Amino acid sequence: MHPALSDHALPSRAVFFVSDSTGITAETLGNALLANFPGFRFDRHTIPFVDTAEAAAAVVQTITGADAAGLAPIVFSTMKNATVGRVLDTAPAPRIDLLGGHLTDLERTLGTTASEQLGQFHTLGDTEAYFARMRAVEYAIEHDDGQSSRALEFADVIIIAPSRCGKTPTTMYLALQYGLLVANYPLTDEDFPTDGLPRLVAPHAERCFGLTTTPLRLRQVRHERRPDSRYASLAQCTLELRRAEELYRRTRVPFLNSSTKSVEEMSAIILQTLKLRA
């Protein structure tokens, strides 16, 4: 992308994520592919639960409207019903079937046909695993920002960091996506000076993981919450990050810089570092 081009100056394409279930898989895989093409501005639309020919025909009309508006639509789909897929193929847009040949290849490898049941990836499926994720979310809410020390010994991960470094989003992602019990603890002025970790998390040092960021990024995020405050000043942000990073190194707590990483990337690094992958 040319540095002089703003988002509005980029060529626009309409993108439709169409699924016979929630659309989450189509969105995730489709967006991963689209991220490789920064020279376009994508107008995204998710259309879930398209599981009949009639529903697909309605989607075709919507896609046709986008084409008439000059948005050159692209369709990403995840659906098993071939009839529904053929209706979508009548739309004036290329359709990228995100299951397609992969499902056929897996059928051939396993020597059986795929189930006809729709949307199995995002149904309850393994009920025990589902409720484990729900319990993990409840745990994360209770233990957000150091609010509770109850059952902290059961935490799989304790994320520590100065305020607004990305603790809560990462905590919730690990809980909802992986069913992990994750607590997070804010490093504040009261925690310094200290040689070791704060009293609440010190007994669980082997499960602690630290986050940091850049002073400029932290100032920007904090300014949105408390404009022109000491809390959001560059001097305060610089001080807190320096103290936190020194604490991580001194106590040998692994840490990463969250300023240029997505919550998915940070979670993957935490899982790998703390050896929490199955």
C-alpha atoms as a PDB file:
ATOM      1  CA  MET A   1       0.000   0.000   0.000  1.00  0.00           C
ATOM      2  CA  HIS A   2       1.319   3.429  -0.931  1.00  0.00           C
ATOM      3  CA  PRO A   3       1.942   5.440   2.259  1.00  0.00           C
ATOM      4  CA  ALA A   4       0.063   8.439   0.820  1.00  0.00           C
ATOM      5  CA  LEU A   5      -3.162   6.475   0.379  1.00  0.00           C
ATOM      6  CA  SER A   6      -5.753   6.693   3.133  1.00  0.00           C
ATOM      7  CA  ASP A   7      -8.213   3.866   3.771  1.00  0.00           C
ATOM      8  CA  HIS A   8     -10.878   5.791   1.878  1.00  0.00           C
ATOM      9  CA  ALA A   9      -8.649   6.069  -1.205  1.00  0.00           C
ATOM     10  CA  LEU A  10      -8.162   2.306  -1.431  1.00  0.00           C
ATOM     11  CA  PRO A  11     -10.244   0.240  -3.863  1.00  0.00           C
ATOM     12  CA  SER A  12     -13.294  -1.224  -2.085  1.00  0.00           C
ATOM     13  CA  ARG A  13     -14.574  -4.792  -2.288  1.00  0.00           C
ATOM     14  CA  ALA A  14     -17.657  -6.209  -0.620  1.00  0.00           C
ATOM     15  CA  VAL A  15     -16.942  -9.440   1.247  1.00  0.00           C
ATOM     16  CA  PHE A  16     -19.640 -11.864   2.367  1.00  0.00           C
ATOM     17  CA  PHE A  17     -19.022 -14.575   4.957  1.00  0.00           C
ATOM     18  CA  VAL A  18     -21.866 -17.051   4.427  1.00  0.00           C
ATOM     19  CA  SER A  19     -22.424 -20.106   6.616  1.00  0.00           C
ATOM     20  CA  ASP A  20     -24.972 -22.768   7.462  1.00  0.00           C
ATOM     21  CA  SER A  21     -24.062 -22.168  11.127  1.00  0.00           C
ATOM     22  CA  THR A  22     -22.787 -19.182  13.122  1.00  0.00           C
ATOM     23  CA  GLY A  23     -20.340 -17.859  10.520  1.00  0.00           C
ATOM     24  CA  ILE A  24     -17.476 -17.741  13.007  1.00  0.00           C
ATOM     25  CA  THR A  25     -15.325 -20.201  11.054  1.00  0.00           C
ATOM     26  CA  ALA A  26     -15.973 -18.404   7.752  1.00  0.00           C
ATOM     27  CA  GLU A  27     -15.078 -15.068   9.360  1.00  0.00           C
ATOM     28  CA  THR A  28     -11.918 -16.386  11.001  1.00  0.00           C
ATOM     29  CA  LEU A  29     -10.512 -18.164   7.952  1.00  0.00           C
ATOM     30  CA  GLY A  30     -11.706 -15.524   5.494  1.00  0.00           C
ATOM     31  CA  ASN A  31     -10.239 -12.642   7.469  1.00  0.00           C
ATOM     32  CA  ALA A  32      -6.942 -14.527   7.807  1.00  0.00           C
ATOM     33  CA  LEU A  33      -6.770 -14.656   4.007  1.00  0.00           C
ATOM     34  CA  LEU A  34      -7.879 -11.046   3.511  1.00  0.00           C
ATOM     35  CA  ALA A  35      -5.172  -9.808   5.904  1.00  0.00           C
ATOM     36  CA  ASN A  36      -2.635 -10.602   3.179  1.00  0.00           C
ATOM     37  CA  PHE A  37      -4.085  -7.897   0.916  1.00  0.00           C
ATOM     38  CA  PRO A  38      -3.679  -4.519   2.656  1.00  0.00           C
ATOM     39  CA  GLY A  39      -4.114  -2.652  -0.626  1.00  0.00           C
ATOM     40  CA  PHE A  40      -7.900  -3.000  -0.455  1.00  0.00           C
ATOM     41  CA  ARG A  41     -10.664  -1.755   1.818  1.00  0.00           C
ATOM     42  CA  PHE A  42     -13.052  -4.628   2.546  1.00  0.00           C
ATOM     43  CA  ASP A  43     -16.701  -3.997   3.382  1.00  0.00           C
ATOM     44  CA  ARG A  44     -17.474  -7.128   5.411  1.00  0.00           C
ATOM     45  CA  HIS A  45     -20.875  -8.805   5.886  1.00  0.00           C
ATOM     46  CA  THR A  46     -21.531 -11.994   7.863  1.00  0.00           C
ATOM     47  CA  ILE A  47     -24.687 -13.970   7.006  1.00  0.00           C
ATOM     48  CA  PRO A  48     -25.166 -17.003   9.298  1.00  0.00           C
ATOM     49  CA  PHE A  49     -27.659 -19.888   9.256  1.00  0.00           C
ATOM     50  CA  VAL A  50     -28.029 -20.105   5.465  1.00  0.00           C
ATOM     51  CA  ASP A  51     -29.162 -23.732   5.412  1.00  0.00           C
ATOM     52  CA  THR A  52     -31.866 -23.803   2.723  1.00  0.00           C
ATOM     53  CA  ALA A  53     -32.026 -22.992  -0.973  1.00  0.00           C
ATOM     54  CA  GLU A  54     -34.544 -20.231  -0.186  1.00  0.00           C
ATOM     55  CA  ALA A  55     -32.179 -18.594   2.311  1.00  0.00           C
ATOM     56  CA  ALA A  56     -29.334 -18.852  -0.194  1.00  0.00           C
ATOM     57  CA  ALA A  57     -31.484 -17.204  -2.885  1.00  0.00           C
ATOM     58  CA  ALA A  58     -32.045 -14.229  -0.577  1.00  0.00           C
ATOM     59  CA  VAL A  59     -28.295 -13.970  -0.047  1.00  0.00           C
ATOM     60  CA  VAL A  60     -27.765 -14.019  -3.812  1.00  0.00           C
ATOM     61  CA  GLN A  61     -30.027 -10.971  -4.106  1.00  0.00           C
ATOM     62  CA  THR A  62     -27.959  -9.130  -1.500  1.00  0.00           C
ATOM     63  CA  ILE A  63     -24.714 -10.012  -3.258  1.00  0.00           C
ATOM     64  CA  THR A  64     -26.212  -8.919  -6.585  1.00  0.00           C
ATOM     65  CA  GLY A  65     -27.004  -5.535  -5.028  1.00  0.00           C
ATOM     66  CA  ALA A  66     -23.392  -5.121  -3.931  1.00  0.00           C
ATOM     67  CA  ASP A  67     -22.235  -6.015  -7.427  1.00  0.00           C
ATOM     68  CA  ALA A  68     -24.601  -3.437  -8.951  1.00  0.00           C
ATOM     69  CA  ALA A  69     -23.108  -0.832  -6.599  1.00  0.00           C
ATOM     70  CA  GLY A  70     -19.677  -1.539  -8.088  1.00  0.00           C
ATOM     71  CA  LEU A  71     -18.259  -3.279  -4.998  1.00  0.00           C
ATOM     72  CA  ALA A  72     -17.092  -6.415  -6.884  1.00  0.00           C
ATOM     73  CA  PRO A  73     -18.187  -8.856  -4.140  1.00  0.00           C
ATOM     74  CA  ILE A  74     -16.297 -11.895  -2.900  1.00  0.00           C
ATOM     75  CA  VAL A  75     -17.997 -14.764  -1.050  1.00  0.00           C
ATOM     76  CA  PHE A  76     -16.389 -16.975   1.595  1.00  0.00           C
ATOM     77  CA  SER A  77     -18.576 -19.901   2.595  1.00  0.00           C
ATOM     78  CA  THR A  78     -18.610 -22.799   5.034  1.00  0.00           C
ATOM     79  CA  MET A  79     -21.503 -25.135   4.295  1.00  0.00           C
ATOM     80  CA  LYS A  80     -22.018 -28.826   3.685  1.00  0.00           C
ATOM     81  CA  ASN A  81     -25.200 -28.822   1.608  1.00  0.00           C
ATOM     82  CA  ALA A  82     -24.240 -28.949  -2.067  1.00  0.00           C
ATOM     83  CA  THR A  83     -27.665 -27.674  -3.181  1.00  0.00           C
ATOM     84  CA  VAL A  84     -27.312 -24.538  -1.075  1.00  0.00           C
ATOM     85  CA  GLY A  85     -23.806 -24.066  -2.445  1.00  0.00           C
ATOM     86  CA  ARG A  86     -25.040 -24.303  -6.034  1.00  0.00           C
ATOM     87  CA  VAL A  87     -27.587 -21.549  -5.379  1.00  0.00           C
ATOM     88  CA  LEU A  88     -24.829 -19.308  -4.008  1.00  0.00           C
ATOM     89  CA  ASP A  89     -22.808 -19.991  -7.149  1.00  0.00           C
ATOM     90  CA  THR A  90     -25.468 -18.142  -9.186  1.00  0.00           C
ATOM     91  CA  ALA A  91     -24.442 -14.865  -7.534  1.00  0.00           C
ATOM     92  CA  PRO A  92     -22.249 -12.478  -9.560  1.00  0.00           C
ATOM     93  CA  ALA A  93     -19.246 -13.143  -7.320  1.00  0.00           C
ATOM     94  CA  PRO A  94     -16.508 -15.727  -6.934  1.00  0.00           C
ATOM     95  CA  ARG A  95     -17.205 -18.133  -4.058  1.00  0.00           C
ATOM     96  CA  ILE A  96     -14.315 -19.425  -1.974  1.00  0.00           C
ATOM     97  CA  ASP A  97     -15.470 -22.645  -0.322  1.00  0.00           C
ATOM     98  CA  LEU A  98     -13.490 -22.862   2.912  1.00  0.00           C
ATOM     99  CA  LEU A  99     -14.421 -26.505   3.464  1.00  0.00           C
ATOM    100  CA  GLY A 100     -14.586 -27.724  -0.120  1.00  0.00           C
ATOM    101  CA  GLY A 101     -11.775 -30.048  -1.082  1.00  0.00           C
ATOM    102  CA  HIS A 102     -10.469 -30.197   2.471  1.00  0.00           C
ATOM    103  CA  LEU A 103     -13.581 -32.017   3.661  1.00  0.00           C
ATOM    104  CA  THR A 104     -13.374 -34.409   0.706  1.00  0.00           C
ATOM    105  CA  ASP A 105      -9.701 -35.080   1.407  1.00  0.00           C
ATOM    106  CA  LEU A 106     -10.486 -35.844   5.048  1.00  0.00           C
ATOM    107  CA  GLU A 107     -13.348 -38.168   4.078  1.00  0.00           C
ATOM    108  CA  ARG A 108     -10.941 -40.055   1.816  1.00  0.00           C
ATOM    109  CA  THR A 109      -8.300 -40.235   4.561  1.00  0.00           C
ATOM    110  CA  LEU A 110     -10.749 -41.470   7.210  1.00  0.00           C
ATOM    111  CA  GLY A 111     -12.600 -43.803   4.860  1.00  0.00           C
ATOM    112  CA  THR A 112     -16.031 -42.416   5.742  1.00  0.00           C
ATOM    113  CA  THR A 113     -18.348 -39.562   4.811  1.00  0.00           C
ATOM    114  CA  ALA A 114     -18.784 -36.397   6.844  1.00  0.00           C
ATOM    115  CA  SER A 115     -21.843 -36.004   9.040  1.00  0.00           C
ATOM    116  CA  GLU A 116     -24.827 -34.246   7.462  1.00  0.00           C
ATOM    117  CA  GLN A 117     -25.540 -32.372  10.689  1.00  0.00           C
ATOM    118  CA  LEU A 118     -25.072 -28.645  10.239  1.00  0.00           C
ATOM    119  CA  GLY A 119     -22.777 -26.401  12.244  1.00  0.00           C
ATOM    120  CA  GLN A 120     -21.195 -29.094  14.371  1.00  0.00           C
ATOM    121  CA  PHE A 121     -18.051 -27.102  15.078  1.00  0.00           C
ATOM    122  CA  HIS A 122     -20.008 -24.494  17.031  1.00  0.00           C
ATOM    123  CA  THR A 123     -22.654 -26.645  18.674  1.00  0.00           C
ATOM    124  CA  LEU A 124     -22.306 -27.834  22.262  1.00  0.00           C
ATOM    125  CA  GLY A 125     -20.503 -30.928  20.999  1.00  0.00           C
ATOM    126  CA  ASP A 126     -18.507 -32.086  23.981  1.00  0.00           C
ATOM    127  CA  THR A 127     -20.794 -30.866  26.776  1.00  0.00           C
ATOM    128  CA  GLU A 128     -18.091 -31.239  29.396  1.00  0.00           C
ATOM    129  CA  ALA A 129     -15.695 -29.039  27.418  1.00  0.00           C
ATOM    130  CA  TYR A 130     -18.430 -26.457  26.840  1.00  0.00           C
ATOM    131  CA  PHE A 131     -19.222 -26.110  30.528  1.00  0.00           C
ATOM    132  CA  ALA A 132     -15.494 -26.008  31.311  1.00  0.00           C
ATOM    133  CA  ARG A 133     -15.258 -22.911  29.112  1.00  0.00           C
ATOM    134  CA  MET A 134     -18.224 -21.331  30.858  1.00  0.00           C
ATOM    135  CA  ARG A 135     -16.648 -22.005  34.264  1.00  0.00           C
ATOM    136  CA  ALA A 136     -13.400 -20.500  32.986  1.00  0.00           C
ATOM    137  CA  VAL A 137     -15.214 -17.322  31.928  1.00  0.00           C
ATOM    138  CA  GLU A 138     -16.816 -17.031  35.378  1.00  0.00           C
ATOM    139  CA  TYR A 139     -13.389 -17.512  36.970  1.00  0.00           C
ATOM    140  CA  ALA A 140     -11.883 -14.836  34.720  1.00  0.00           C
ATOM    141  CA  ILE A 141     -14.605 -12.332  35.644  1.00  0.00           C
ATOM    142  CA  GLU A 142     -14.180 -13.003  39.376  1.00  0.00           C
ATOM    143  CA  HIS A 143     -10.401 -12.660  39.185  1.00  0.00           C
ATOM    144  CA  ASP A 144     -10.210  -9.667  36.831  1.00  0.00           C
ATOM    145  CA  ASP A 145      -7.858  -6.889  37.970  1.00  0.00           C
ATOM    146  CA  GLY A 146      -6.927  -8.670  41.192  1.00  0.00           C
ATOM    147  CA  GLN A 147     -10.488  -8.474  42.561  1.00  0.00           C
ATOM    148  CA  SER A 148     -10.324 -11.871  44.266  1.00  0.00           C
ATOM    149  CA  SER A 149      -7.722 -14.186  45.712  1.00  0.00           C
ATOM    150  CA  ARG A 150     -10.193 -17.046  46.119  1.00  0.00           C
ATOM    151  CA  ALA A 151      -9.018 -20.305  44.481  1.00  0.00           C
ATOM    152  CA  LEU A 152      -6.031 -18.558  42.968  1.00  0.00           C
ATOM    153  CA  GLU A 153      -4.070 -21.774  43.482  1.00  0.00           C
ATOM    154  CA  PHE A 154      -6.189 -23.343  40.716  1.00  0.00           C
ATOM    155  CA  ALA A 155      -5.271 -20.746  38.097  1.00  0.00           C
ATOM    156  CA  ASP A 156      -3.594 -22.072  34.964  1.00  0.00           C
ATOM    157  CA  VAL A 157      -2.211 -18.600  34.228  1.00  0.00           C
ATOM    158  CA  ILE A 158      -1.916 -15.347  36.169  1.00  0.00           C
ATOM    159  CA  ILE A 159      -1.329 -12.380  33.876  1.00  0.00           C
ATOM    160  CA  ILE A 160       0.380  -9.435  35.533  1.00  0.00           C
ATOM    161  CA  ALA A 161       0.921  -5.984  34.032  1.00  0.00           C
ATOM    162  CA  PRO A 162       0.394  -2.276  34.554  1.00  0.00           C
ATOM    163  CA  SER A 163      -3.118  -1.046  33.847  1.00  0.00           C
ATOM    164  CA  ARG A 164      -4.267  -1.005  30.177  1.00  0.00           C
ATOM    165  CA  CYS A 165      -1.594  -3.328  28.786  1.00  0.00           C
ATOM    166  CA  GLY A 166      -4.099  -5.913  27.529  1.00  0.00           C
ATOM    167  CA  LYS A 167      -4.614  -8.143  30.571  1.00  0.00           C
ATOM    168  CA  THR A 168      -8.399  -8.471  30.445  1.00  0.00           C
ATOM    169  CA  PRO A 169      -8.884  -9.225  26.711  1.00  0.00           C
ATOM    170  CA  THR A 170      -6.146 -11.858  26.827  1.00  0.00           C
ATOM    171  CA  THR A 171      -7.618 -13.375  29.988  1.00  0.00           C
ATOM    172  CA  MET A 172     -11.087 -13.634  28.455  1.00  0.00           C
ATOM    173  CA  TYR A 173      -9.776 -15.082  25.182  1.00  0.00           C
ATOM    174  CA  LEU A 174      -7.833 -17.830  26.967  1.00  0.00           C
ATOM    175  CA  ALA A 175     -10.876 -18.642  29.083  1.00  0.00           C
ATOM    176  CA  LEU A 176     -13.437 -18.717  26.294  1.00  0.00           C
ATOM    177  CA  GLN A 177     -11.275 -20.288  23.613  1.00  0.00           C
ATOM    178  CA  TYR A 178      -9.340 -22.824  25.680  1.00  0.00           C
ATOM    179  CA  GLY A 179     -11.287 -23.220  28.917  1.00  0.00           C
ATOM    180  CA  LEU A 180      -8.260 -22.172  30.984  1.00  0.00           C
ATOM    181  CA  LEU A 181      -8.613 -20.696  34.471  1.00  0.00           C
ATOM    182  CA  VAL A 182      -6.940 -17.316  34.103  1.00  0.00           C
ATOM    183  CA  ALA A 183      -6.587 -14.530  36.655  1.00  0.00           C
ATOM    184  CA  ASN A 184      -5.001 -11.148  36.100  1.00  0.00           C
ATOM    185  CA  TYR A 185      -3.372  -8.716  38.480  1.00  0.00           C
ATOM    186  CA  PRO A 186      -2.634  -4.994  37.947  1.00  0.00           C
ATOM    187  CA  LEU A 187       0.796  -3.728  38.931  1.00  0.00           C
ATOM    188  CA  THR A 188       0.262  -0.394  40.718  1.00  0.00           C
ATOM    189  CA  ASP A 189       2.394   2.101  42.626  1.00  0.00           C
ATOM    190  CA  GLU A 190       1.623   0.189  45.841  1.00  0.00           C
ATOM    191  CA  ASP A 191       3.467  -2.863  44.488  1.00  0.00           C
ATOM    192  CA  PHE A 192       6.786  -0.955  44.306  1.00  0.00           C
ATOM    193  CA  PRO A 193       9.456  -0.876  45.464  1.00  0.00           C
ATOM    194  CA  THR A 194       9.705  -4.620  45.936  1.00  0.00           C
ATOM    195  CA  ASP A 195      12.289  -7.312  45.345  1.00  0.00           C
ATOM    196  CA  GLY A 196       9.744  -9.991  44.565  1.00  0.00           C
ATOM    197  CA  LEU A 197       6.300 -10.371  43.094  1.00  0.00           C
ATOM    198  CA  PRO A 198       3.281  -8.797  44.821  1.00  0.00           C
ATOM    199  CA  ARG A 199       2.116 -10.757  47.850  1.00  0.00           C
ATOM    200  CA  LEU A 200      -1.093 -12.009  46.225  1.00  0.00           C
ATOM    201  CA  VAL A 201       0.617 -13.688  43.265  1.00  0.00           C
ATOM    202  CA  ALA A 202       4.049 -14.483  44.726  1.00  0.00           C
ATOM    203  CA  PRO A 203       3.102 -18.068  45.802  1.00  0.00           C
ATOM    204  CA  HIS A 204       2.157 -18.803  42.187  1.00  0.00           C
ATOM    205  CA  ALA A 205       5.192 -17.368  40.392  1.00  0.00           C
ATOM    206  CA  GLU A 206       5.597 -20.365  38.085  1.00  0.00           C
ATOM    207  CA  ARG A 207       2.177 -19.610  36.551  1.00  0.00           C
ATOM    208  CA  CYS A 208       2.693 -15.869  36.144  1.00  0.00           C
ATOM    209  CA  PHE A 209       3.112 -14.193  32.769  1.00  0.00           C
ATOM    210  CA  GLY A 210       3.817 -10.494  32.287  1.00  0.00           C
ATOM    211  CA  LEU A 211       2.667  -7.992  29.685  1.00  0.00           C
ATOM    212  CA  THR A 212       4.261  -4.710  28.724  1.00  0.00           C
ATOM    213  CA  THR A 213       3.813  -2.199  25.907  1.00  0.00           C
ATOM    214  CA  THR A 214       5.414   1.024  24.689  1.00  0.00           C
ATOM    215  CA  PRO A 215       5.047   4.249  26.698  1.00  0.00           C
ATOM    216  CA  LEU A 216       3.481   6.055  23.737  1.00  0.00           C
ATOM    217  CA  ARG A 217       0.916   3.326  23.167  1.00  0.00           C
ATOM    218  CA  LEU A 218       0.074   3.155  26.880  1.00  0.00           C
ATOM    219  CA  ARG A 219      -0.327   6.928  27.037  1.00  0.00           C
ATOM    220  CA  GLN A 220      -2.690   6.830  24.060  1.00  0.00           C
ATOM    221  CA  VAL A 221      -4.885   4.106  25.580  1.00  0.00           C
ATOM    222  CA  ARG A 222      -4.969   5.711  29.024  1.00  0.00           C
ATOM    223  CA  HIS A 223      -5.682   9.172  27.584  1.00  0.00           C
ATOM    224  CA  GLU A 224      -8.898   7.803  26.067  1.00  0.00           C
ATOM    225  CA  ARG A 225      -9.988   6.704  29.536  1.00  0.00           C
ATOM    226  CA  ARG A 226      -8.698   9.622  31.650  1.00  0.00           C
ATOM    227  CA  PRO A 227      -7.666  12.572  29.454  1.00  0.00           C
ATOM    228  CA  ASP A 228      -4.885  14.871  30.708  1.00  0.00           C
ATOM    229  CA  SER A 229      -4.408  12.937  33.956  1.00  0.00           C
ATOM    230  CA  ARG A 230      -1.214  11.912  35.730  1.00  0.00           C
ATOM    231  CA  TYR A 231      -2.343   8.337  35.066  1.00  0.00           C
ATOM    232  CA  ALA A 232      -2.122   8.997  31.319  1.00  0.00           C
ATOM    233  CA  SER A 233       1.039  11.116  31.323  1.00  0.00           C
ATOM    234  CA  LEU A 234       4.025   9.907  29.341  1.00  0.00           C
ATOM    235  CA  ALA A 235       6.239  10.150  32.422  1.00  0.00           C
ATOM    236  CA  GLN A 236       3.939   7.933  34.491  1.00  0.00           C
ATOM    237  CA  CYS A 237       3.518   5.400  31.679  1.00  0.00           C
ATOM    238  CA  THR A 238       7.282   5.227  31.156  1.00  0.00           C
ATOM    239  CA  LEU A 239       7.912   4.761  34.883  1.00  0.00           C
ATOM    240  CA  GLU A 240       5.330   2.000  35.302  1.00  0.00           C
ATOM    241  CA  LEU A 241       6.539   0.046  32.280  1.00  0.00           C
ATOM    242  CA  ARG A 242      10.185   0.330  33.320  1.00  0.00           C
ATOM    243  CA  ARG A 243       9.410  -0.904  36.835  1.00  0.00           C
ATOM    244  CA  ALA A 244       7.271  -3.754  35.511  1.00  0.00           C
ATOM    245  CA  GLU A 245       9.911  -4.983  33.079  1.00  0.00           C
ATOM    246  CA  GLU A 246      12.587  -4.812  35.767  1.00  0.00           C
ATOM    247  CA  LEU A 247      10.304  -6.857  38.034  1.00  0.00           C
ATOM    248  CA  TYR A 248       9.744  -9.489  35.323  1.00  0.00           C
ATOM    249  CA  ARG A 249      13.460  -9.867  34.727  1.00  0.00           C
ATOM    250  CA  ARG A 250      14.312  -9.923  38.429  1.00  0.00           C
ATOM    251  CA  THR A 251      11.727 -12.590  39.241  1.00  0.00           C
ATOM    252  CA  ARG A 252      12.236 -14.473  35.952  1.00  0.00           C
ATOM    253  CA  VAL A 253       8.611 -14.073  34.891  1.00  0.00           C
ATOM    254  CA  PRO A 254       8.270 -14.476  31.118  1.00  0.00           C
ATOM    255  CA  PHE A 255       6.702 -11.474  29.398  1.00  0.00           C
ATOM    256  CA  LEU A 256       5.904  -9.999  26.007  1.00  0.00           C
ATOM    257  CA  ASN A 257       5.206  -6.608  24.469  1.00  0.00           C
ATOM    258  CA  SER A 258       1.531  -6.313  23.561  1.00  0.00           C
ATOM    259  CA  SER A 259       1.784  -3.140  21.471  1.00  0.00           C
ATOM    260  CA  THR A 260       1.994  -4.878  18.087  1.00  0.00           C
ATOM    261  CA  LYS A 261       0.346  -8.220  18.829  1.00  0.00           C
ATOM    262  CA  SER A 262      -3.248  -9.389  18.579  1.00  0.00           C
ATOM    263  CA  VAL A 263      -4.928 -11.149  21.488  1.00  0.00           C
ATOM    264  CA  GLU A 264      -4.692 -14.389  19.481  1.00  0.00           C
ATOM    265  CA  GLU A 265      -0.921 -13.989  19.066  1.00  0.00           C
ATOM    266  CA  MET A 266      -0.402 -13.156  22.725  1.00  0.00           C
ATOM    267  CA  SER A 267      -2.483 -16.129  23.808  1.00  0.00           C
ATOM    268  CA  ALA A 268      -0.514 -18.470  21.553  1.00  0.00           C
ATOM    269  CA  ILE A 269       2.777 -17.240  23.038  1.00  0.00           C
ATOM    270  CA  ILE A 270       1.480 -17.660  26.596  1.00  0.00           C
ATOM    271  CA  LEU A 271       0.273 -21.194  25.855  1.00  0.00           C
ATOM    272  CA  GLN A 272       3.610 -22.156  24.332  1.00  0.00           C
ATOM    273  CA  THR A 273       5.763 -20.484  26.994  1.00  0.00           C
ATOM    274  CA  LEU A 274       3.877 -21.982  29.940  1.00  0.00           C
ATOM    275  CA  LYS A 275       3.533 -25.328  28.121  1.00  0.00           C
ATOM    276  CA  LEU A 276      -0.265 -25.289  28.290  1.00  0.00           C
ATOM    277  CA  ARG A 277      -0.888 -26.677  24.826  1.00  0.00           C
ATOM    278  CA  ALA A 278      -2.473 -30.112  24.797  1.00  0.00           C
END
